[in-house]
Amino acid sequence: MDGSFMNKHTGLKQCFPCRDCDAGSGLKIKTSCTATSDTLCEPLEGFYCIDFTENHCVAAQRHSSCQPGQYIREKGTALRDTVCSDCSGGTFSDGTFPSCQPHTHLEEENTSKR
C-alpha cells in the first residue's frame, strides 16, 4: 500500500511504514519509498548529516556560522560542518568571508593651514 514497503521476507502480513524525511529535522528526500525499499533522506541545503545509517542520513544539523574576526576556512558540505579560523593581526572578517581582508591604512595628511 502507499506509504509502506517490504524489502525482505519476514513472515509478517503487514508492510513497514515508509520513513519520513522531516524538513524540521533538516532532512529532505533523496530517494522516494517504493514497494520494495524505504525512503532515503539527505540533509537540506545549509545542513550536514550527524547520523549516517544504512546509506542515508537519519539526523542533520545546521552548518555553524563563523563569528566576526573569523573566516570560513572550509565551507560546510552535506557530510561535514563549516570550519572557521581566526583572522591574524592586521586583518578582519565579518564571519562570511572565505579569507581575512587586510585593514586599510590611511596616510595622515598634513592639512595644517598657515
PDB file of N, CA and C in Angstrom:
ATOM      1  N   MET A   1       0.839  -1.183   0.000  1.00  0.00           N
ATOM      2  CA  MET A   1       0.000   0.000   0.000  1.00  0.00           C
ATOM      3  C   MET A   1       0.879   1.239   0.000  1.00  0.00           C
ATOM      4  N   ASP A   2       0.308   2.352  -0.426  1.00  0.00           N
ATOM      5  CA  ASP A   2       1.043   3.617  -0.409  1.00  0.00           C
ATOM      6  C   ASP A   2       1.553   3.929   0.990  1.00  0.00           C
ATOM      7  N   GLY A   3       2.787   4.429   1.065  1.00  0.00           N
ATOM      8  CA  GLY A   3       3.363   4.793   2.352  1.00  0.00           C
ATOM      9  C   GLY A   3       3.953   3.625   3.115  1.00  0.00           C
ATOM     10  N   SER A   4       4.102   2.463   2.445  1.00  0.00           N
ATOM     11  CA  SER A   4       4.703   1.316   3.108  1.00  0.00           C
ATOM     12  C   SER A   4       5.541   0.518   2.115  1.00  0.00           C
ATOM     13  N   PHE A   5       6.402  -0.352   2.645  1.00  0.00           N
ATOM     14  CA  PHE A   5       7.288  -1.155   1.796  1.00  0.00           C
ATOM     15  C   PHE A   5       7.592  -2.478   2.478  1.00  0.00           C
ATOM     16  N   MET A   6       8.114  -3.419   1.702  1.00  0.00           N
ATOM     17  CA  MET A   6       8.580  -4.703   2.230  1.00  0.00           C
ATOM     18  C   MET A   6       9.844  -5.046   1.446  1.00  0.00           C
ATOM     19  N   ASN A   7      11.006  -5.011   2.127  1.00  0.00           N
ATOM     20  CA  ASN A   7      12.281  -5.225   1.444  1.00  0.00           C
ATOM     21  C   ASN A   7      12.881  -6.605   1.690  1.00  0.00           C
ATOM     22  N   LYS A   8      12.199  -7.444   2.497  1.00  0.00           N
ATOM     23  CA  LYS A   8      12.704  -8.800   2.746  1.00  0.00           C
ATOM     24  C   LYS A   8      11.557  -9.672   3.257  1.00  0.00           C
ATOM     25  N   HIS A   9      11.732 -10.954   3.135  1.00  0.00           N
ATOM     26  CA  HIS A   9      10.729 -11.885   3.652  1.00  0.00           C
ATOM     27  C   HIS A   9      10.808 -11.895   5.168  1.00  0.00           C
ATOM     28  N   THR A  10       9.678 -11.634   5.796  1.00  0.00           N
ATOM     29  CA  THR A  10       9.660 -11.580   7.257  1.00  0.00           C
ATOM     30  C   THR A  10       8.619 -12.508   7.865  1.00  0.00           C
ATOM     31  N   GLY A  11       7.706 -12.971   7.058  1.00  0.00           N
ATOM     32  CA  GLY A  11       6.615 -13.767   7.587  1.00  0.00           C
ATOM     33  C   GLY A  11       5.491 -12.906   8.139  1.00  0.00           C
ATOM     34  N   LEU A  12       5.710 -11.583   8.133  1.00  0.00           N
ATOM     35  CA  LEU A  12       4.680 -10.662   8.604  1.00  0.00           C
ATOM     36  C   LEU A  12       3.626 -10.469   7.523  1.00  0.00           C
ATOM     37  N   LYS A  13       2.442 -10.143   7.927  1.00  0.00           N
ATOM     38  CA  LYS A  13       1.356  -9.880   6.972  1.00  0.00           C
ATOM     39  C   LYS A  13       1.133  -8.391   6.781  1.00  0.00           C
ATOM     40  N   GLN A  14       2.077  -7.595   7.296  1.00  0.00           N
ATOM     41  CA  GLN A  14       1.946  -6.150   7.208  1.00  0.00           C
ATOM     42  C   GLN A  14       3.277  -5.562   6.737  1.00  0.00           C
ATOM     43  N   CYS A  15       3.218  -4.549   5.875  1.00  0.00           N
ATOM     44  CA  CYS A  15       4.431  -3.883   5.388  1.00  0.00           C
ATOM     45  C   CYS A  15       4.937  -2.893   6.428  1.00  0.00           C
ATOM     46  N   PHE A  16       6.198  -2.457   6.235  1.00  0.00           N
ATOM     47  CA  PHE A  16       6.802  -1.452   7.104  1.00  0.00           C
ATOM     48  C   PHE A  16       6.379  -0.059   6.641  1.00  0.00           C
ATOM     49  N   PRO A  17       6.155   0.894   7.550  1.00  0.00           N
ATOM     50  CA  PRO A  17       5.836   2.271   7.128  1.00  0.00           C
ATOM     51  C   PRO A  17       7.076   2.938   6.537  1.00  0.00           C
ATOM     52  N   CYS A  18       6.877   3.745   5.511  1.00  0.00           N
ATOM     53  CA  CYS A  18       8.000   4.470   4.897  1.00  0.00           C
ATOM     54  C   CYS A  18       8.508   5.547   5.849  1.00  0.00           C
ATOM     55  N   ARG A  19       9.811   5.739   5.827  1.00  0.00           N
ATOM     56  CA  ARG A  19      10.480   6.759   6.642  1.00  0.00           C
ATOM     57  C   ARG A  19      10.050   8.149   6.172  1.00  0.00           C
ATOM     58  N   ASP A  20       9.989   9.091   7.125  1.00  0.00           N
ATOM     59  CA  ASP A  20       9.662  10.481   6.832  1.00  0.00           C
ATOM     60  C   ASP A  20      10.938  11.311   6.896  1.00  0.00           C
ATOM     61  N   CYS A  21      11.241  12.029   5.838  1.00  0.00           N
ATOM     62  CA  CYS A  21      12.400  12.925   5.829  1.00  0.00           C
ATOM     63  C   CYS A  21      11.899  14.313   6.233  1.00  0.00           C
ATOM     64  N   ASP A  22      11.928  14.590   7.517  1.00  0.00           N
ATOM     65  CA  ASP A  22      11.315  15.786   8.090  1.00  0.00           C
ATOM     66  C   ASP A  22      12.181  17.029   7.884  1.00  0.00           C
ATOM     67  N   ALA A  23      11.624  18.020   7.180  1.00  0.00           N
ATOM     68  CA  ALA A  23      12.345  19.278   6.946  1.00  0.00           C
ATOM     69  C   ALA A  23      12.654  19.976   8.268  1.00  0.00           C
ATOM     70  N   GLY A  24      11.803  19.805   9.271  1.00  0.00           N
ATOM     71  CA  GLY A  24      12.049  20.389  10.586  1.00  0.00           C
ATOM     72  C   GLY A  24      13.282  19.807  11.256  1.00  0.00           C
ATOM     73  N   SER A  25      13.698  18.646  10.820  1.00  0.00           N
ATOM     74  CA  SER A  25      14.915  17.998  11.324  1.00  0.00           C
ATOM     75  C   SER A  25      16.088  18.203  10.375  1.00  0.00           C
ATOM     76  N   GLY A  26      15.920  19.070   9.361  1.00  0.00           N
ATOM     77  CA  GLY A  26      16.998  19.363   8.417  1.00  0.00           C
ATOM     78  C   GLY A  26      17.169  18.328   7.330  1.00  0.00           C
ATOM     79  N   LEU A  27      16.116  17.542   7.044  1.00  0.00           N
ATOM     80  CA  LEU A  27      16.228  16.471   6.057  1.00  0.00           C
ATOM     81  C   LEU A  27      15.274  16.663   4.885  1.00  0.00           C
ATOM     82  N   LYS A  28      15.647  16.085   3.732  1.00  0.00           N
ATOM     83  CA  LYS A  28      14.789  16.044   2.551  1.00  0.00           C
ATOM     84  C   LYS A  28      14.919  14.664   1.915  1.00  0.00           C
ATOM     85  N   ILE A  29      13.999  14.349   1.006  1.00  0.00           N
ATOM     86  CA  ILE A  29      14.006  13.041   0.349  1.00  0.00           C
ATOM     87  C   ILE A  29      15.132  12.973  -0.678  1.00  0.00           C
ATOM     88  N   LYS A  30      15.951  11.938  -0.558  1.00  0.00           N
ATOM     89  CA  LYS A  30      16.981  11.640  -1.553  1.00  0.00           C
ATOM     90  C   LYS A  30      16.407  10.663  -2.566  1.00  0.00           C
ATOM     91  N   THR A  31      15.769   9.590  -2.077  1.00  0.00           N
ATOM     92  CA  THR A  31      15.119   8.585  -2.916  1.00  0.00           C
ATOM     93  C   THR A  31      13.777   8.241  -2.277  1.00  0.00           C
ATOM     94  N   SER A  32      12.721   8.338  -3.055  1.00  0.00           N
ATOM     95  CA  SER A  32      11.380   8.071  -2.536  1.00  0.00           C
ATOM     96  C   SER A  32      11.169   6.596  -2.228  1.00  0.00           C
ATOM     97  N   CYS A  33      10.252   6.345  -1.327  1.00  0.00           N
ATOM     98  CA  CYS A  33       9.863   4.992  -0.933  1.00  0.00           C
ATOM     99  C   CYS A  33       9.201   4.285  -2.122  1.00  0.00           C
ATOM    100  N   THR A  34       9.508   3.000  -2.274  1.00  0.00           N
ATOM    101  CA  THR A  34       8.850   2.165  -3.286  1.00  0.00           C
ATOM    102  C   THR A  34       8.247   0.963  -2.560  1.00  0.00           C
ATOM    103  N   ALA A  35       7.611   0.094  -3.283  1.00  0.00           N
ATOM    104  CA  ALA A  35       7.013  -1.097  -2.674  1.00  0.00           C
ATOM    105  C   ALA A  35       8.070  -2.008  -2.056  1.00  0.00           C
ATOM    106  N   THR A  36       9.342  -1.905  -2.538  1.00  0.00           N
ATOM    107  CA  THR A  36      10.393  -2.806  -2.054  1.00  0.00           C
ATOM    108  C   THR A  36      11.553  -2.100  -1.346  1.00  0.00           C
ATOM    109  N   SER A  37      11.495  -0.780  -1.178  1.00  0.00           N
ATOM    110  CA  SER A  37      12.589  -0.074  -0.497  1.00  0.00           C
ATOM    111  C   SER A  37      12.062   1.145   0.254  1.00  0.00           C
ATOM    112  N   ASP A  38      12.713   1.440   1.359  1.00  0.00           N
ATOM    113  CA  ASP A  38      12.330   2.567   2.207  1.00  0.00           C
ATOM    114  C   ASP A  38      12.836   3.882   1.607  1.00  0.00           C
ATOM    115  N   THR A  39      12.295   4.982   2.078  1.00  0.00           N
ATOM    116  CA  THR A  39      12.743   6.321   1.695  1.00  0.00           C
ATOM    117  C   THR A  39      14.171   6.517   2.185  1.00  0.00           C
ATOM    118  N   LEU A  40      15.018   7.164   1.366  1.00  0.00           N
ATOM    119  CA  LEU A  40      16.357   7.557   1.786  1.00  0.00           C
ATOM    120  C   LEU A  40      16.369   9.071   1.935  1.00  0.00           C
ATOM    121  N   CYS A  41      16.950   9.564   3.041  1.00  0.00           N
ATOM    122  CA  CYS A  41      16.983  11.001   3.326  1.00  0.00           C
ATOM    123  C   CYS A  41      18.392  11.555   3.148  1.00  0.00           C
ATOM    124  N   GLU A  42      18.463  12.873   2.920  1.00  0.00           N
ATOM    125  CA  GLU A  42      19.730  13.592   2.870  1.00  0.00           C
ATOM    126  C   GLU A  42      19.522  14.963   3.500  1.00  0.00           C
ATOM    127  N   PRO A  43      20.605  15.651   3.905  1.00  0.00           N
ATOM    128  CA  PRO A  43      20.458  16.953   4.551  1.00  0.00           C
ATOM    129  C   PRO A  43      19.942  18.021   3.578  1.00  0.00           C
ATOM    130  N   LEU A  44      19.173  18.951   4.117  1.00  0.00           N
ATOM    131  CA  LEU A  44      18.772  20.134   3.361  1.00  0.00           C
ATOM    132  C   LEU A  44      20.004  20.993   3.094  1.00  0.00           C
ATOM    133  N   GLU A  45      19.909  21.911   2.146  1.00  0.00           N
ATOM    134  CA  GLU A  45      20.979  22.879   1.890  1.00  0.00           C
ATOM    135  C   GLU A  45      21.233  23.656   3.181  1.00  0.00           C
ATOM    136  N   GLY A  46      22.502  23.816   3.557  1.00  0.00           N
ATOM    137  CA  GLY A  46      22.847  24.530   4.780  1.00  0.00           C
ATOM    138  C   GLY A  46      22.908  23.644   6.008  1.00  0.00           C
ATOM    139  N   PHE A  47      22.723  22.317   5.823  1.00  0.00           N
ATOM    140  CA  PHE A  47      22.777  21.356   6.918  1.00  0.00           C
ATOM    141  C   PHE A  47      23.816  20.285   6.592  1.00  0.00           C
ATOM    142  N   TYR A  48      24.258  19.555   7.617  1.00  0.00           N
ATOM    143  CA  TYR A  48      25.154  18.418   7.404  1.00  0.00           C
ATOM    144  C   TYR A  48      24.663  17.244   8.242  1.00  0.00           C
ATOM    145  N   CYS A  49      24.966  16.045   7.783  1.00  0.00           N
ATOM    146  CA  CYS A  49      24.495  14.829   8.418  1.00  0.00           C
ATOM    147  C   CYS A  49      25.301  14.542   9.681  1.00  0.00           C
ATOM    148  N   ILE A  50      24.595  14.326  10.797  1.00  0.00           N
ATOM    149  CA  ILE A  50      25.275  13.978  12.047  1.00  0.00           C
ATOM    150  C   ILE A  50      25.043  12.512  12.416  1.00  0.00           C
ATOM    151  N   ASP A  51      24.167  11.824  11.675  1.00  0.00           N
ATOM    152  CA  ASP A  51      23.929  10.392  11.896  1.00  0.00           C
ATOM    153  C   ASP A  51      23.632   9.747  10.551  1.00  0.00           C
ATOM    154  N   PHE A  52      24.632   9.062   9.989  1.00  0.00           N
ATOM    155  CA  PHE A  52      24.524   8.419   8.684  1.00  0.00           C
ATOM    156  C   PHE A  52      24.419   6.918   8.915  1.00  0.00           C
ATOM    157  N   THR A  53      23.248   6.328   8.605  1.00  0.00           N
ATOM    158  CA  THR A  53      22.989   4.914   8.864  1.00  0.00           C
ATOM    159  C   THR A  53      22.397   4.252   7.627  1.00  0.00           C
ATOM    160  N   GLU A  54      22.923   3.115   7.247  1.00  0.00           N
ATOM    161  CA  GLU A  54      22.384   2.330   6.133  1.00  0.00           C
ATOM    162  C   GLU A  54      22.169   3.157   4.857  1.00  0.00           C
ATOM    163  N   ASN A  55      23.185   3.879   4.433  1.00  0.00           N
ATOM    164  CA  ASN A  55      23.169   4.648   3.178  1.00  0.00           C
ATOM    165  C   ASN A  55      22.258   5.868   3.162  1.00  0.00           C
ATOM    166  N   HIS A  56      21.850   6.342   4.311  1.00  0.00           N
ATOM    167  CA  HIS A  56      21.063   7.573   4.302  1.00  0.00           C
ATOM    168  C   HIS A  56      21.249   8.316   5.616  1.00  0.00           C
ATOM    169  N   CYS A  57      20.896   9.571   5.590  1.00  0.00           N
ATOM    170  CA  CYS A  57      21.033  10.427   6.757  1.00  0.00           C
ATOM    171  C   CYS A  57      19.766  10.327   7.605  1.00  0.00           C
ATOM    172  N   VAL A  58      19.927  10.069   8.895  1.00  0.00           N
ATOM    173  CA  VAL A  58      18.769   9.992   9.782  1.00  0.00           C
ATOM    174  C   VAL A  58      18.681  11.197  10.712  1.00  0.00           C
ATOM    175  N   ALA A  59      19.745  12.024  10.767  1.00  0.00           N
ATOM    176  CA  ALA A  59      19.722  13.236  11.577  1.00  0.00           C
ATOM    177  C   ALA A  59      20.696  14.247  10.983  1.00  0.00           C
ATOM    178  N   ALA A  60      20.260  15.509  10.920  1.00  0.00           N
ATOM    179  CA  ALA A  60      21.096  16.564  10.354  1.00  0.00           C
ATOM    180  C   ALA A  60      21.103  17.774  11.277  1.00  0.00           C
ATOM    181  N   GLN A  61      22.124  18.603  11.116  1.00  0.00           N
ATOM    182  CA  GLN A  61      22.266  19.808  11.920  1.00  0.00           C
ATOM    183  C   GLN A  61      22.677  20.949  10.998  1.00  0.00           C
ATOM    184  N   ARG A  62      22.218  22.164  11.323  1.00  0.00           N
ATOM    185  CA  ARG A  62      22.565  23.343  10.518  1.00  0.00           C
ATOM    186  C   ARG A  62      24.070  23.601  10.608  1.00  0.00           C
ATOM    187  N   HIS A  63      24.685  24.028   9.481  1.00  0.00           N
ATOM    188  CA  HIS A  63      26.101  24.377   9.487  1.00  0.00           C
ATOM    189  C   HIS A  63      26.357  25.496  10.492  1.00  0.00           C
ATOM    190  N   SER A  64      27.511  25.441  11.141  1.00  0.00           N
ATOM    191  CA  SER A  64      27.921  26.502  12.060  1.00  0.00           C
ATOM    192  C   SER A  64      28.175  27.785  11.279  1.00  0.00           C
ATOM    193  N   SER A  65      27.982  28.908  11.950  1.00  0.00           N
ATOM    194  CA  SER A  65      28.308  30.215  11.364  1.00  0.00           C
ATOM    195  C   SER A  65      29.595  30.703  11.998  1.00  0.00           C
ATOM    196  N   CYS A  66      30.466  31.270  11.186  1.00  0.00           N
ATOM    197  CA  CYS A  66      31.689  31.853  11.726  1.00  0.00           C
ATOM    198  C   CYS A  66      31.348  33.204  12.344  1.00  0.00           C
ATOM    199  N   GLN A  67      32.115  33.576  13.363  1.00  0.00           N
ATOM    200  CA  GLN A  67      31.891  34.825  14.092  1.00  0.00           C
ATOM    201  C   GLN A  67      32.734  35.943  13.477  1.00  0.00           C
ATOM    202  N   PRO A  68      32.366  37.213  13.738  1.00  0.00           N
ATOM    203  CA  PRO A  68      33.245  38.312  13.309  1.00  0.00           C
ATOM    204  C   PRO A  68      34.650  38.072  13.867  1.00  0.00           C
ATOM    205  N   GLY A  69      35.656  38.315  13.038  1.00  0.00           N
ATOM    206  CA  GLY A  69      37.038  38.028  13.421  1.00  0.00           C
ATOM    207  C   GLY A  69      37.489  36.652  12.981  1.00  0.00           C
ATOM    208  N   GLN A  70      36.561  35.879  12.370  1.00  0.00           N
ATOM    209  CA  GLN A  70      36.879  34.559  11.832  1.00  0.00           C
ATOM    210  C   GLN A  70      36.526  34.533  10.349  1.00  0.00           C
ATOM    211  N   TYR A  71      37.179  33.639   9.609  1.00  0.00           N
ATOM    212  CA  TYR A  71      36.842  33.441   8.200  1.00  0.00           C
ATOM    213  C   TYR A  71      36.450  31.981   7.995  1.00  0.00           C
ATOM    214  N   ILE A  72      35.808  31.692   6.871  1.00  0.00           N
ATOM    215  CA  ILE A  72      35.376  30.336   6.549  1.00  0.00           C
ATOM    216  C   ILE A  72      36.549  29.605   5.914  1.00  0.00           C
ATOM    217  N   ARG A  73      37.237  28.767   6.698  1.00  0.00           N
ATOM    218  CA  ARG A  73      38.384  28.011   6.176  1.00  0.00           C
ATOM    219  C   ARG A  73      37.916  26.884   5.268  1.00  0.00           C
ATOM    220  N   GLU A  74      36.831  26.182   5.660  1.00  0.00           N
ATOM    221  CA  GLU A  74      36.243  25.131   4.833  1.00  0.00           C
ATOM    222  C   GLU A  74      34.727  25.272   4.889  1.00  0.00           C
ATOM    223  N   LYS A  75      34.127  25.460   3.736  1.00  0.00           N
ATOM    224  CA  LYS A  75      32.671  25.575   3.667  1.00  0.00           C
ATOM    225  C   LYS A  75      32.045  24.226   4.016  1.00  0.00           C
ATOM    226  N   GLY A  76      30.943  24.255   4.749  1.00  0.00           N
ATOM    227  CA  GLY A  76      30.253  23.037   5.139  1.00  0.00           C
ATOM    228  C   GLY A  76      29.699  22.295   3.929  1.00  0.00           C
ATOM    229  N   THR A  77      29.617  20.976   4.043  1.00  0.00           N
ATOM    230  CA  THR A  77      29.051  20.131   2.997  1.00  0.00           C
ATOM    231  C   THR A  77      27.923  19.308   3.623  1.00  0.00           C
ATOM    232  N   ALA A  78      27.365  18.395   2.866  1.00  0.00           N
ATOM    233  CA  ALA A  78      26.308  17.524   3.379  1.00  0.00           C
ATOM    234  C   ALA A  78      26.843  16.557   4.443  1.00  0.00           C
ATOM    235  N   LEU A  79      28.178  16.335   4.456  1.00  0.00           N
ATOM    236  CA  LEU A  79      28.752  15.369   5.390  1.00  0.00           C
ATOM    237  C   LEU A  79      29.604  15.977   6.499  1.00  0.00           C
ATOM    238  N   ARG A  80      29.900  17.289   6.423  1.00  0.00           N
ATOM    239  CA  ARG A  80      30.710  17.886   7.480  1.00  0.00           C
ATOM    240  C   ARG A  80      30.329  19.342   7.709  1.00  0.00           C
ATOM    241  N   ASP A  81      30.629  19.808   8.903  1.00  0.00           N
ATOM    242  CA  ASP A  81      30.293  21.164   9.318  1.00  0.00           C
ATOM    243  C   ASP A  81      31.287  22.168   8.736  1.00  0.00           C
ATOM    244  N   THR A  82      30.904  23.426   8.759  1.00  0.00           N
ATOM    245  CA  THR A  82      31.783  24.526   8.379  1.00  0.00           C
ATOM    246  C   THR A  82      32.956  24.586   9.352  1.00  0.00           C
ATOM    247  N   VAL A  83      34.150  24.889   8.835  1.00  0.00           N
ATOM    248  CA  VAL A  83      35.336  25.044   9.685  1.00  0.00           C
ATOM    249  C   VAL A  83      35.735  26.517   9.656  1.00  0.00           C
ATOM    250  N   CYS A  84      35.798  27.137  10.832  1.00  0.00           N
ATOM    251  CA  CYS A  84      36.167  28.543  10.959  1.00  0.00           C
ATOM    252  C   CYS A  84      37.590  28.655  11.506  1.00  0.00           C
ATOM    253  N   SER A  85      38.280  29.734  11.135  1.00  0.00           N
ATOM    254  CA  SER A  85      39.596  30.035  11.700  1.00  0.00           C
ATOM    255  C   SER A  85      39.657  31.510  12.035  1.00  0.00           C
ATOM    256  N   ASP A  86      40.473  31.843  13.024  1.00  0.00           N
ATOM    257  CA  ASP A  86      40.613  33.235  13.446  1.00  0.00           C
ATOM    258  C   ASP A  86      41.487  34.009  12.470  1.00  0.00           C
ATOM    259  N   CYS A  87      41.147  35.278  12.280  1.00  0.00           N
ATOM    260  CA  CYS A  87      41.981  36.166  11.467  1.00  0.00           C
ATOM    261  C   CYS A  87      43.241  36.523  12.253  1.00  0.00           C
ATOM    262  N   SER A  88      44.345  36.738  11.534  1.00  0.00           N
ATOM    263  CA  SER A  88      45.590  37.140  12.187  1.00  0.00           C
ATOM    264  C   SER A  88      45.619  38.665  12.314  1.00  0.00           C
ATOM    265  N   GLY A  89      46.593  39.162  13.058  1.00  0.00           N
ATOM    266  CA  GLY A  89      46.717  40.596  13.282  1.00  0.00           C
ATOM    267  C   GLY A  89      46.769  41.382  11.972  1.00  0.00           C
ATOM    268  N   GLY A  90      46.097  42.518  11.945  1.00  0.00           N
ATOM    269  CA  GLY A  90      46.095  43.375  10.763  1.00  0.00           C
ATOM    270  C   GLY A  90      45.078  42.964   9.716  1.00  0.00           C
ATOM    271  N   THR A  91      44.258  41.945  10.008  1.00  0.00           N
ATOM    272  CA  THR A  91      43.228  41.505   9.062  1.00  0.00           C
ATOM    273  C   THR A  91      41.891  41.400   9.790  1.00  0.00           C
ATOM    274  N   PHE A  92      40.814  41.318   8.996  1.00  0.00           N
ATOM    275  CA  PHE A  92      39.482  41.233   9.582  1.00  0.00           C
ATOM    276  C   PHE A  92      38.557  40.412   8.693  1.00  0.00           C
ATOM    277  N   SER A  93      37.442  39.980   9.269  1.00  0.00           N
ATOM    278  CA  SER A  93      36.366  39.313   8.539  1.00  0.00           C
ATOM    279  C   SER A  93      35.093  39.490   9.351  1.00  0.00           C
ATOM    280  N   ASP A  94      33.969  39.578   8.657  1.00  0.00           N
ATOM    281  CA  ASP A  94      32.685  39.675   9.362  1.00  0.00           C
ATOM    282  C   ASP A  94      32.101  38.290   9.640  1.00  0.00           C
ATOM    283  N   GLY A  95      32.861  37.244   9.314  1.00  0.00           N
ATOM    284  CA  GLY A  95      32.412  35.875   9.535  1.00  0.00           C
ATOM    285  C   GLY A  95      31.856  35.213   8.288  1.00  0.00           C
ATOM    286  N   THR A  96      31.712  35.970   7.200  1.00  0.00           N
ATOM    287  CA  THR A  96      31.178  35.395   5.959  1.00  0.00           C
ATOM    288  C   THR A  96      32.223  35.321   4.848  1.00  0.00           C
ATOM    289  N   PHE A  97      33.430  35.813   5.119  1.00  0.00           N
ATOM    290  CA  PHE A  97      34.474  35.841   4.087  1.00  0.00           C
ATOM    291  C   PHE A  97      35.216  34.509   4.021  1.00  0.00           C
ATOM    292  N   PRO A  98      35.667  34.103   2.803  1.00  0.00           N
ATOM    293  CA  PRO A  98      36.478  32.889   2.681  1.00  0.00           C
ATOM    294  C   PRO A  98      37.945  33.126   3.069  1.00  0.00           C
ATOM    295  N   SER A  99      38.320  34.375   3.329  1.00  0.00           N
ATOM    296  CA  SER A  99      39.655  34.703   3.825  1.00  0.00           C
ATOM    297  C   SER A  99      39.566  36.042   4.540  1.00  0.00           C
ATOM    298  N   CYS A 100      40.537  36.315   5.390  1.00  0.00           N
ATOM    299  CA  CYS A 100      40.559  37.596   6.089  1.00  0.00           C
ATOM    300  C   CYS A 100      41.079  38.679   5.151  1.00  0.00           C
ATOM    301  N   GLN A 101      40.577  39.869   5.329  1.00  0.00           N
ATOM    302  CA  GLN A 101      40.955  41.008   4.499  1.00  0.00           C
ATOM    303  C   GLN A 101      41.898  41.910   5.292  1.00  0.00           C
ATOM    304  N   PRO A 102      42.892  42.495   4.620  1.00  0.00           N
ATOM    305  CA  PRO A 102      43.795  43.397   5.342  1.00  0.00           C
ATOM    306  C   PRO A 102      43.074  44.699   5.697  1.00  0.00           C
ATOM    307  N   HIS A 103      43.425  45.253   6.860  1.00  0.00           N
ATOM    308  CA  HIS A 103      42.883  46.562   7.235  1.00  0.00           C
ATOM    309  C   HIS A 103      43.446  47.601   6.285  1.00  0.00           C
ATOM    310  N   THR A 104      42.662  48.608   5.965  1.00  0.00           N
ATOM    311  CA  THR A 104      43.117  49.713   5.134  1.00  0.00           C
ATOM    312  C   THR A 104      43.782  50.738   6.044  1.00  0.00           C
ATOM    313  N   HIS A 105      45.005  51.140   5.696  1.00  0.00           N
ATOM    314  CA  HIS A 105      45.724  52.144   6.478  1.00  0.00           C
ATOM    315  C   HIS A 105      45.749  53.425   5.668  1.00  0.00           C
ATOM    316  N   LEU A 106      45.176  54.458   6.242  1.00  0.00           N
ATOM    317  CA  LEU A 106      45.146  55.751   5.557  1.00  0.00           C
ATOM    318  C   LEU A 106      46.360  56.562   5.973  1.00  0.00           C
ATOM    319  N   GLU A 107      46.996  57.134   4.985  1.00  0.00           N
ATOM    320  CA  GLU A 107      48.138  58.000   5.263  1.00  0.00           C
ATOM    321  C   GLU A 107      47.617  59.297   5.866  1.00  0.00           C
ATOM    322  N   GLU A 108      48.273  59.744   6.922  1.00  0.00           N
ATOM    323  CA  GLU A 108      47.876  61.013   7.519  1.00  0.00           C
ATOM    324  C   GLU A 108      48.384  62.134   6.630  1.00  0.00           C
ATOM    325  N   GLU A 109      47.482  63.045   6.358  1.00  0.00           N
ATOM    326  CA  GLU A 109      47.856  64.177   5.518  1.00  0.00           C
ATOM    327  C   GLU A 109      48.120  65.383   6.393  1.00  0.00           C
ATOM    328  N   ASN A 110      49.104  66.135   6.006  1.00  0.00           N
ATOM    329  CA  ASN A 110      49.412  67.369   6.728  1.00  0.00           C
ATOM    330  C   ASN A 110      48.504  68.433   6.142  1.00  0.00           C
ATOM    331  N   THR A 111      47.465  68.756   6.869  1.00  0.00           N
ATOM    332  CA  THR A 111      46.496  69.739   6.366  1.00  0.00           C
ATOM    333  C   THR A 111      46.512  71.016   7.191  1.00  0.00           C
ATOM    334  N   SER A 112      47.597  71.205   7.933  1.00  0.00           N
ATOM    335  CA  SER A 112      47.630  72.419   8.751  1.00  0.00           C
ATOM    336  C   SER A 112      47.767  73.624   7.855  1.00  0.00           C
ATOM    337  N   LYS A 113      46.985  74.611   8.174  1.00  0.00           N
ATOM    338  CA  LYS A 113      46.994  75.854   7.390  1.00  0.00           C
ATOM    339  C   LYS A 113      47.861  76.880   8.103  1.00  0.00           C
ATOM    340  N   ARG A 114      48.571  77.633   7.312  1.00  0.00           N
ATOM    341  CA  ARG A 114      49.431  78.648   7.910  1.00  0.00           C
ATOM    342  C   ARG A 114      48.906  79.987   7.623  1.00  0.00           C
TER     343      ARG A 114
END
